[in-house]
Amino acid sequence: MSANVLKLVRLTEKSNKLSSELGQYSFQVAINSNKHQIAEAVEKAFKVSVTRVNTAVYRGKNKKSRQGRPSMTADYKKAVVTLKAGDKIELV
C-alpha cells in the first residue's frame, strides 16, 4: 500500500521555507491514507526518520468550462512531514 500513498512533492515558497528552516516537507498524498502509512512511505522512499505528520484535506474548487458548464477540481490531501534533526531530503 505504501507505493500508492505519496503522489507528488508540493514545491511552493512556503514549503521551501519550511524545509530549509524547520526540516518539514509537503507532499500530496492519497486521500484515504493515514498518518502511519504516510510516515512509512516517506521513510521507505527517502531513507529518513519521520518524527511527525500533519495532514489536511482540501475540497475541490468550483470551476466553469469554456461553454459555461459547471465542474469541480478534484479533492486532495496534503501532508506536512517533519524529519528528525539532521535528516534531509534532496528534492532538486
PDB file of N, CA and C in Angstrom:
ATOM      1  N   MET A   1       0.820  -1.200   0.000  1.00  0.00           N
ATOM      2  CA  MET A   1       0.000   0.000   0.000  1.00  0.00           C
ATOM      3  C   MET A   1       0.861   1.259   0.000  1.00  0.00           C
ATOM      4  N   SER A   2       2.070   1.202   0.564  1.00  0.00           N
ATOM      5  CA  SER A   2       2.886   2.404   0.700  1.00  0.00           C
ATOM      6  C   SER A   2       3.318   2.968  -0.655  1.00  0.00           C
ATOM      7  N   ALA A   3       3.319   2.150  -1.705  1.00  0.00           N
ATOM      8  CA  ALA A   3       3.723   2.637  -3.016  1.00  0.00           C
ATOM      9  C   ALA A   3       2.700   3.625  -3.586  1.00  0.00           C
ATOM     10  N   ASN A   4       1.447   3.499  -3.185  1.00  0.00           N
ATOM     11  CA  ASN A   4       0.400   4.362  -3.724  1.00  0.00           C
ATOM     12  C   ASN A   4       0.065   5.530  -2.808  1.00  0.00           C
ATOM     13  N   VAL A   5       0.770   5.694  -1.698  1.00  0.00           N
ATOM     14  CA  VAL A   5       0.436   6.736  -0.735  1.00  0.00           C
ATOM     15  C   VAL A   5       0.918   8.096  -1.215  1.00  0.00           C
ATOM     16  N   LEU A   6       2.194   8.225  -1.566  1.00  0.00           N
ATOM     17  CA  LEU A   6       2.749   9.509  -1.993  1.00  0.00           C
ATOM     18  C   LEU A   6       2.433   9.753  -3.461  1.00  0.00           C
ATOM     19  N   LYS A   7       1.821  10.904  -3.745  1.00  0.00           N
ATOM     20  CA  LYS A   7       1.508  11.236  -5.131  1.00  0.00           C
ATOM     21  C   LYS A   7       2.532  12.192  -5.711  1.00  0.00           C
ATOM     22  N   LEU A   8       2.791  13.319  -5.035  1.00  0.00           N
ATOM     23  CA  LEU A   8       3.787  14.263  -5.520  1.00  0.00           C
ATOM     24  C   LEU A   8       4.271  15.145  -4.387  1.00  0.00           C
ATOM     25  N   VAL A   9       5.422  15.756  -4.619  1.00  0.00           N
ATOM     26  CA  VAL A   9       6.009  16.679  -3.652  1.00  0.00           C
ATOM     27  C   VAL A   9       5.502  18.072  -3.980  1.00  0.00           C
ATOM     28  N   ARG A  10       5.015  18.787  -2.972  1.00  0.00           N
ATOM     29  CA  ARG A  10       4.493  20.141  -3.171  1.00  0.00           C
ATOM     30  C   ARG A  10       5.632  21.136  -3.012  1.00  0.00           C
ATOM     31  N   LEU A  11       6.059  21.746  -4.115  1.00  0.00           N
ATOM     32  CA  LEU A  11       7.132  22.728  -4.079  1.00  0.00           C
ATOM     33  C   LEU A  11       6.541  24.124  -4.239  1.00  0.00           C
ATOM     34  N   THR A  12       6.418  24.835  -3.122  1.00  0.00           N
ATOM     35  CA  THR A  12       5.917  26.203  -3.123  1.00  0.00           C
ATOM     36  C   THR A  12       6.881  27.052  -2.308  1.00  0.00           C
ATOM     37  N   GLU A  13       6.665  28.346  -2.294  1.00  0.00           N
ATOM     38  CA  GLU A  13       7.520  29.222  -1.496  1.00  0.00           C
ATOM     39  C   GLU A  13       7.423  28.857  -0.015  1.00  0.00           C
ATOM     40  N   LYS A  14       6.212  28.602   0.432  1.00  0.00           N
ATOM     41  CA  LYS A  14       6.012  28.260   1.841  1.00  0.00           C
ATOM     42  C   LYS A  14       6.679  26.926   2.186  1.00  0.00           C
ATOM     43  N   SER A  15       6.525  25.924   1.334  1.00  0.00           N
ATOM     44  CA  SER A  15       7.122  24.618   1.625  1.00  0.00           C
ATOM     45  C   SER A  15       8.646  24.680   1.567  1.00  0.00           C
ATOM     46  N   ASN A  16       9.209  25.500   0.668  1.00  0.00           N
ATOM     47  CA  ASN A  16      10.662  25.665   0.605  1.00  0.00           C
ATOM     48  C   ASN A  16      11.191  26.305   1.880  1.00  0.00           C
ATOM     49  N   LYS A  17      10.468  27.274   2.400  1.00  0.00           N
ATOM     50  CA  LYS A  17      10.869  27.932   3.648  1.00  0.00           C
ATOM     51  C   LYS A  17      10.793  26.957   4.821  1.00  0.00           C
ATOM     52  N   LEU A  18       9.721  26.164   4.882  1.00  0.00           N
ATOM     53  CA  LEU A  18       9.570  25.172   5.954  1.00  0.00           C
ATOM     54  C   LEU A  18      10.683  24.132   5.908  1.00  0.00           C
ATOM     55  N   SER A  19      11.035  23.693   4.711  1.00  0.00           N
ATOM     56  CA  SER A  19      12.064  22.659   4.600  1.00  0.00           C
ATOM     57  C   SER A  19      13.432  23.190   4.991  1.00  0.00           C
ATOM     58  N   SER A  20      13.731  24.436   4.635  1.00  0.00           N
ATOM     59  CA  SER A  20      15.054  24.973   4.954  1.00  0.00           C
ATOM     60  C   SER A  20      15.186  25.350   6.425  1.00  0.00           C
ATOM     61  N   GLU A  21      14.110  25.850   7.041  1.00  0.00           N
ATOM     62  CA  GLU A  21      14.202  26.321   8.418  1.00  0.00           C
ATOM     63  C   GLU A  21      13.844  25.259   9.455  1.00  0.00           C
ATOM     64  N   LEU A  22      12.821  24.435   9.172  1.00  0.00           N
ATOM     65  CA  LEU A  22      12.299  23.517  10.184  1.00  0.00           C
ATOM     66  C   LEU A  22      12.441  22.041   9.834  1.00  0.00           C
ATOM     67  N   GLY A  23      12.901  21.731   8.644  1.00  0.00           N
ATOM     68  CA  GLY A  23      13.027  20.331   8.253  1.00  0.00           C
ATOM     69  C   GLY A  23      11.680  19.680   7.994  1.00  0.00           C
ATOM     70  N   GLN A  24      10.712  20.469   7.484  1.00  0.00           N
ATOM     71  CA  GLN A  24       9.385  19.958   7.164  1.00  0.00           C
ATOM     72  C   GLN A  24       9.199  19.954   5.656  1.00  0.00           C
ATOM     73  N   TYR A  25       8.603  18.884   5.146  1.00  0.00           N
ATOM     74  CA  TYR A  25       8.401  18.725   3.708  1.00  0.00           C
ATOM     75  C   TYR A  25       6.932  18.452   3.431  1.00  0.00           C
ATOM     76  N   SER A  26       6.406  19.025   2.340  1.00  0.00           N
ATOM     77  CA  SER A  26       4.993  18.902   1.984  1.00  0.00           C
ATOM     78  C   SER A  26       4.824  17.912   0.840  1.00  0.00           C
ATOM     79  N   PHE A  27       3.832  17.042   0.981  1.00  0.00           N
ATOM     80  CA  PHE A  27       3.515  16.044  -0.034  1.00  0.00           C
ATOM     81  C   PHE A  27       2.025  16.045  -0.289  1.00  0.00           C
ATOM     82  N   GLN A  28       1.641  15.773  -1.534  1.00  0.00           N
ATOM     83  CA  GLN A  28       0.246  15.459  -1.817  1.00  0.00           C
ATOM     84  C   GLN A  28       0.142  13.949  -1.726  1.00  0.00           C
ATOM     85  N   VAL A  29      -0.823  13.462  -0.948  1.00  0.00           N
ATOM     86  CA  VAL A  29      -0.920  12.030  -0.661  1.00  0.00           C
ATOM     87  C   VAL A  29      -2.302  11.513  -1.040  1.00  0.00           C
ATOM     88  N   ALA A  30      -2.445  10.189  -1.030  1.00  0.00           N
ATOM     89  CA  ALA A  30      -3.738   9.572  -1.317  1.00  0.00           C
ATOM     90  C   ALA A  30      -4.748  10.010  -0.263  1.00  0.00           C
ATOM     91  N   ILE A  31      -5.959  10.262  -0.694  1.00  0.00           N
ATOM     92  CA  ILE A  31      -6.959  10.844   0.197  1.00  0.00           C
ATOM     93  C   ILE A  31      -7.388   9.884   1.305  1.00  0.00           C
ATOM     94  N   ASN A  32      -7.212   8.587   1.097  1.00  0.00           N
ATOM     95  CA  ASN A  32      -7.623   7.612   2.112  1.00  0.00           C
ATOM     96  C   ASN A  32      -6.457   7.125   2.975  1.00  0.00           C
ATOM     97  N   SER A  33      -5.289   7.725   2.854  1.00  0.00           N
ATOM     98  CA  SER A  33      -4.124   7.290   3.637  1.00  0.00           C
ATOM     99  C   SER A  33      -4.152   7.931   5.016  1.00  0.00           C
ATOM    100  N   ASN A  34      -3.551   7.232   5.995  1.00  0.00           N
ATOM    101  CA  ASN A  34      -3.474   7.793   7.341  1.00  0.00           C
ATOM    102  C   ASN A  34      -2.036   8.192   7.654  1.00  0.00           C
ATOM    103  N   LYS A  35      -1.830   8.787   8.840  1.00  0.00           N
ATOM    104  CA  LYS A  35      -0.521   9.343   9.181  1.00  0.00           C
ATOM    105  C   LYS A  35       0.558   8.267   9.276  1.00  0.00           C
ATOM    106  N   HIS A  36       0.201   7.083   9.775  1.00  0.00           N
ATOM    107  CA  HIS A  36       1.179   5.997   9.892  1.00  0.00           C
ATOM    108  C   HIS A  36       1.642   5.530   8.512  1.00  0.00           C
ATOM    109  N   GLN A  37       0.714   5.412   7.571  1.00  0.00           N
ATOM    110  CA  GLN A  37       1.069   4.996   6.212  1.00  0.00           C
ATOM    111  C   GLN A  37       1.938   6.049   5.527  1.00  0.00           C
ATOM    112  N   ILE A  38       1.632   7.327   5.754  1.00  0.00           N
ATOM    113  CA  ILE A  38       2.411   8.405   5.149  1.00  0.00           C
ATOM    114  C   ILE A  38       3.839   8.391   5.687  1.00  0.00           C
ATOM    115  N   ALA A  39       3.981   8.255   7.002  1.00  0.00           N
ATOM    116  CA  ALA A  39       5.313   8.222   7.611  1.00  0.00           C
ATOM    117  C   ALA A  39       6.127   7.052   7.077  1.00  0.00           C
ATOM    118  N   GLU A  40       5.507   5.893   6.984  1.00  0.00           N
ATOM    119  CA  GLU A  40       6.198   4.698   6.481  1.00  0.00           C
ATOM    120  C   GLU A  40       6.624   4.877   5.028  1.00  0.00           C
ATOM    121  N   ALA A  41       5.754   5.476   4.211  1.00  0.00           N
ATOM    122  CA  ALA A  41       6.070   5.673   2.795  1.00  0.00           C
ATOM    123  C   ALA A  41       7.232   6.648   2.619  1.00  0.00           C
ATOM    124  N   VAL A  42       7.260   7.734   3.401  1.00  0.00           N
ATOM    125  CA  VAL A  42       8.351   8.705   3.304  1.00  0.00           C
ATOM    126  C   VAL A  42       9.664   8.078   3.765  1.00  0.00           C
ATOM    127  N   GLU A  43       9.618   7.308   4.854  1.00  0.00           N
ATOM    128  CA  GLU A  43      10.827   6.650   5.361  1.00  0.00           C
ATOM    129  C   GLU A  43      11.387   5.672   4.343  1.00  0.00           C
ATOM    130  N   LYS A  44      10.515   4.910   3.675  1.00  0.00           N
ATOM    131  CA  LYS A  44      10.975   3.946   2.666  1.00  0.00           C
ATOM    132  C   LYS A  44      11.519   4.645   1.424  1.00  0.00           C
ATOM    133  N   ALA A  45      10.818   5.674   0.960  1.00  0.00           N
ATOM    134  CA  ALA A  45      11.181   6.316  -0.300  1.00  0.00           C
ATOM    135  C   ALA A  45      12.464   7.137  -0.196  1.00  0.00           C
ATOM    136  N   PHE A  46      12.672   7.819   0.941  1.00  0.00           N
ATOM    137  CA  PHE A  46      13.793   8.752   1.046  1.00  0.00           C
ATOM    138  C   PHE A  46      14.853   8.341   2.070  1.00  0.00           C
ATOM    139  N   LYS A  47      14.663   7.224   2.766  1.00  0.00           N
ATOM    140  CA  LYS A  47      15.632   6.714   3.757  1.00  0.00           C
ATOM    141  C   LYS A  47      15.923   7.746   4.848  1.00  0.00           C
ATOM    142  N   VAL A  48      14.858   8.286   5.455  1.00  0.00           N
ATOM    143  CA  VAL A  48      14.962   9.264   6.534  1.00  0.00           C
ATOM    144  C   VAL A  48      14.085   8.821   7.703  1.00  0.00           C
ATOM    145  N   SER A  49      14.197   9.514   8.849  1.00  0.00           N
ATOM    146  CA  SER A  49      13.374   9.221  10.018  1.00  0.00           C
ATOM    147  C   SER A  49      12.322  10.312  10.181  1.00  0.00           C
ATOM    148  N   VAL A  50      11.064   9.911  10.232  1.00  0.00           N
ATOM    149  CA  VAL A  50       9.960  10.848  10.375  1.00  0.00           C
ATOM    150  C   VAL A  50       9.586  10.953  11.853  1.00  0.00           C
ATOM    151  N   THR A  51       9.462  12.189  12.353  1.00  0.00           N
ATOM    152  CA  THR A  51       9.065  12.382  13.749  1.00  0.00           C
ATOM    153  C   THR A  51       7.605  12.806  13.889  1.00  0.00           C
ATOM    154  N   ARG A  52       7.047  13.450  12.847  1.00  0.00           N
ATOM    155  CA  ARG A  52       5.690  13.964  12.963  1.00  0.00           C
ATOM    156  C   ARG A  52       5.065  14.107  11.587  1.00  0.00           C
ATOM    157  N   VAL A  53       3.740  13.876  11.505  1.00  0.00           N
ATOM    158  CA  VAL A  53       3.000  14.042  10.255  1.00  0.00           C
ATOM    159  C   VAL A  53       1.725  14.830  10.550  1.00  0.00           C
ATOM    160  N   ASN A  54       1.543  15.938   9.838  1.00  0.00           N
ATOM    161  CA  ASN A  54       0.307  16.710   9.924  1.00  0.00           C
ATOM    162  C   ASN A  54      -0.398  16.602   8.578  1.00  0.00           C
ATOM    163  N   THR A  55      -1.733  16.400   8.599  1.00  0.00           N
ATOM    164  CA  THR A  55      -2.480  16.247   7.361  1.00  0.00           C
ATOM    165  C   THR A  55      -3.632  17.239   7.298  1.00  0.00           C
ATOM    166  N   ALA A  56      -4.039  17.555   6.076  1.00  0.00           N
ATOM    167  CA  ALA A  56      -5.206  18.396   5.836  1.00  0.00           C
ATOM    168  C   ALA A  56      -5.858  17.953   4.535  1.00  0.00           C
ATOM    169  N   VAL A  57      -7.195  17.888   4.532  1.00  0.00           N
ATOM    170  CA  VAL A  57      -7.938  17.520   3.335  1.00  0.00           C
ATOM    171  C   VAL A  57      -8.537  18.789   2.742  1.00  0.00           C
ATOM    172  N   TYR A  58      -8.284  18.994   1.451  1.00  0.00           N
ATOM    173  CA  TYR A  58      -8.773  20.175   0.751  1.00  0.00           C
ATOM    174  C   TYR A  58      -9.871  19.768  -0.223  1.00  0.00           C
ATOM    175  N   ARG A  59     -10.988  20.487  -0.186  1.00  0.00           N
ATOM    176  CA  ARG A  59     -12.081  20.238  -1.117  1.00  0.00           C
ATOM    177  C   ARG A  59     -11.757  20.865  -2.465  1.00  0.00           C
ATOM    178  N   GLY A  60     -12.266  20.257  -3.527  1.00  0.00           N
ATOM    179  CA  GLY A  60     -12.071  20.801  -4.860  1.00  0.00           C
ATOM    180  C   GLY A  60     -12.815  22.111  -5.043  1.00  0.00           C
ATOM    181  N   LYS A  61     -12.317  22.932  -5.930  1.00  0.00           N
ATOM    182  CA  LYS A  61     -12.938  24.234  -6.178  1.00  0.00           C
ATOM    183  C   LYS A  61     -13.942  24.141  -7.322  1.00  0.00           C
ATOM    184  N   ASN A  62     -14.951  24.999  -7.270  1.00  0.00           N
ATOM    185  CA  ASN A  62     -15.921  25.082  -8.356  1.00  0.00           C
ATOM    186  C   ASN A  62     -15.291  25.797  -9.544  1.00  0.00           C
ATOM    187  N   LYS A  63     -15.495  25.247 -10.714  1.00  0.00           N
ATOM    188  CA  LYS A  63     -14.956  25.827 -11.947  1.00  0.00           C
ATOM    189  C   LYS A  63     -16.065  25.860 -12.991  1.00  0.00           C
ATOM    190  N   LYS A  64     -15.812  26.583 -14.078  1.00  0.00           N
ATOM    191  CA  LYS A  64     -16.716  26.577 -15.222  1.00  0.00           C
ATOM    192  C   LYS A  64     -15.887  26.319 -16.469  1.00  0.00           C
ATOM    193  N   SER A  65     -16.444  25.541 -17.372  1.00  0.00           N
ATOM    194  CA  SER A  65     -15.753  25.275 -18.633  1.00  0.00           C
ATOM    195  C   SER A  65     -15.933  26.469 -19.565  1.00  0.00           C
ATOM    196  N   ARG A  66     -15.335  26.397 -20.722  1.00  0.00           N
ATOM    197  CA  ARG A  66     -15.450  27.489 -21.685  1.00  0.00           C
ATOM    198  C   ARG A  66     -16.885  27.674 -22.163  1.00  0.00           C
ATOM    199  N   GLN A  67     -17.646  26.584 -22.148  1.00  0.00           N
ATOM    200  CA  GLN A  67     -19.039  26.658 -22.570  1.00  0.00           C
ATOM    201  C   GLN A  67     -19.951  27.085 -21.416  1.00  0.00           C
ATOM    202  N   GLY A  68     -19.404  27.264 -20.218  1.00  0.00           N
ATOM    203  CA  GLY A  68     -20.203  27.692 -19.081  1.00  0.00           C
ATOM    204  C   GLY A  68     -20.743  26.557 -18.235  1.00  0.00           C
ATOM    205  N   ARG A  69     -20.351  25.325 -18.562  1.00  0.00           N
ATOM    206  CA  ARG A  69     -20.830  24.181 -17.773  1.00  0.00           C
ATOM    207  C   ARG A  69     -20.078  24.126 -16.450  1.00  0.00           C
ATOM    208  N   PRO A  70     -20.788  23.941 -15.342  1.00  0.00           N
ATOM    209  CA  PRO A  70     -20.103  23.871 -14.044  1.00  0.00           C
ATOM    210  C   PRO A  70     -19.382  22.533 -13.861  1.00  0.00           C
ATOM    211  N   SER A  71     -18.240  22.590 -13.200  1.00  0.00           N
ATOM    212  CA  SER A  71     -17.492  21.382 -12.861  1.00  0.00           C
ATOM    213  C   SER A  71     -16.697  21.671 -11.597  1.00  0.00           C
ATOM    214  N   MET A  72     -15.963  20.684 -11.133  1.00  0.00           N
ATOM    215  CA  MET A  72     -15.154  20.859  -9.924  1.00  0.00           C
ATOM    216  C   MET A  72     -13.780  20.247 -10.123  1.00  0.00           C
ATOM    217  N   THR A  73     -12.774  20.833  -9.464  1.00  0.00           N
ATOM    218  CA  THR A  73     -11.462  20.204  -9.434  1.00  0.00           C
ATOM    219  C   THR A  73     -11.499  19.098  -8.390  1.00  0.00           C
ATOM    220  N   ALA A  74     -10.527  18.222  -8.410  1.00  0.00           N
ATOM    221  CA  ALA A  74     -10.523  17.070  -7.520  1.00  0.00           C
ATOM    222  C   ALA A  74     -10.160  17.474  -6.085  1.00  0.00           C
ATOM    223  N   ASP A  75     -10.713  16.749  -5.111  1.00  0.00           N
ATOM    224  CA  ASP A  75     -10.301  16.894  -3.718  1.00  0.00           C
ATOM    225  C   ASP A  75      -8.908  16.307  -3.575  1.00  0.00           C
ATOM    226  N   TYR A  76      -8.136  16.815  -2.607  1.00  0.00           N
ATOM    227  CA  TYR A  76      -6.820  16.241  -2.363  1.00  0.00           C
ATOM    228  C   TYR A  76      -6.452  16.373  -0.897  1.00  0.00           C
ATOM    229  N   LYS A  77      -5.464  15.591  -0.495  1.00  0.00           N
ATOM    230  CA  LYS A  77      -4.981  15.587   0.876  1.00  0.00           C
ATOM    231  C   LYS A  77      -3.516  15.985   0.873  1.00  0.00           C
ATOM    232  N   LYS A  78      -3.148  16.909   1.775  1.00  0.00           N
ATOM    233  CA  LYS A  78      -1.779  17.372   1.884  1.00  0.00           C
ATOM    234  C   LYS A  78      -1.210  16.913   3.219  1.00  0.00           C
ATOM    235  N   ALA A  79       0.037  16.478   3.205  1.00  0.00           N
ATOM    236  CA  ALA A  79       0.722  16.062   4.425  1.00  0.00           C
ATOM    237  C   ALA A  79       1.997  16.868   4.579  1.00  0.00           C
ATOM    238  N   VAL A  80       2.220  17.407   5.785  1.00  0.00           N
ATOM    239  CA  VAL A  80       3.463  18.087   6.115  1.00  0.00           C
ATOM    240  C   VAL A  80       4.219  17.152   7.053  1.00  0.00           C
ATOM    241  N   VAL A  81       5.372  16.682   6.597  1.00  0.00           N
ATOM    242  CA  VAL A  81       6.151  15.675   7.319  1.00  0.00           C
ATOM    243  C   VAL A  81       7.367  16.346   7.952  1.00  0.00           C
ATOM    244  N   THR A  82       7.532  16.157   9.262  1.00  0.00           N
ATOM    245  CA  THR A  82       8.692  16.682   9.976  1.00  0.00           C
ATOM    246  C   THR A  82       9.707  15.557  10.137  1.00  0.00           C
ATOM    247  N   LEU A  83      10.954  15.833   9.771  1.00  0.00           N
ATOM    248  CA  LEU A  83      12.010  14.835   9.852  1.00  0.00           C
ATOM    249  C   LEU A  83      12.830  15.024  11.128  1.00  0.00           C
ATOM    250  N   LYS A  84      13.533  13.948  11.516  1.00  0.00           N
ATOM    251  CA  LYS A  84      14.448  14.010  12.651  1.00  0.00           C
ATOM    252  C   LYS A  84      15.542  15.022  12.357  1.00  0.00           C
ATOM    253  N   ALA A  85      15.995  15.719  13.398  1.00  0.00           N
ATOM    254  CA  ALA A  85      17.039  16.739  13.219  1.00  0.00           C
ATOM    255  C   ALA A  85      18.264  16.127  12.544  1.00  0.00           C
ATOM    256  N   GLY A  86      18.741  16.786  11.510  1.00  0.00           N
ATOM    257  CA  GLY A  86      19.903  16.296  10.772  1.00  0.00           C
ATOM    258  C   GLY A  86      19.536  15.572   9.491  1.00  0.00           C
ATOM    259  N   ASP A  87      18.318  15.035   9.388  1.00  0.00           N
ATOM    260  CA  ASP A  87      17.873  14.366   8.168  1.00  0.00           C
ATOM    261  C   ASP A  87      17.442  15.395   7.139  1.00  0.00           C
ATOM    262  N   LYS A  88      17.606  15.049   5.859  1.00  0.00           N
ATOM    263  CA  LYS A  88      17.307  15.978   4.788  1.00  0.00           C
ATOM    264  C   LYS A  88      16.848  15.191   3.573  1.00  0.00           C
ATOM    265  N   ILE A  89      15.942  15.770   2.791  1.00  0.00           N
ATOM    266  CA  ILE A  89      15.504  15.187   1.526  1.00  0.00           C
ATOM    267  C   ILE A  89      15.977  16.100   0.410  1.00  0.00           C
ATOM    268  N   GLU A  90      16.745  15.548  -0.519  1.00  0.00           N
ATOM    269  CA  GLU A  90      17.205  16.325  -1.671  1.00  0.00           C
ATOM    270  C   GLU A  90      16.146  16.242  -2.766  1.00  0.00           C
ATOM    271  N   LEU A  91      15.459  17.349  -3.015  1.00  0.00           N
ATOM    272  CA  LEU A  91      14.352  17.342  -3.989  1.00  0.00           C
ATOM    273  C   LEU A  91      14.777  17.806  -5.361  1.00  0.00           C
ATOM    274  N   VAL A  92      15.751  18.695  -5.442  1.00  0.00           N
ATOM    275  CA  VAL A  92      16.132  19.235  -6.752  1.00  0.00           C
ATOM    276  C   VAL A  92      17.474  18.688  -7.171  1.00  0.00           C
TER     277      VAL A  92
END
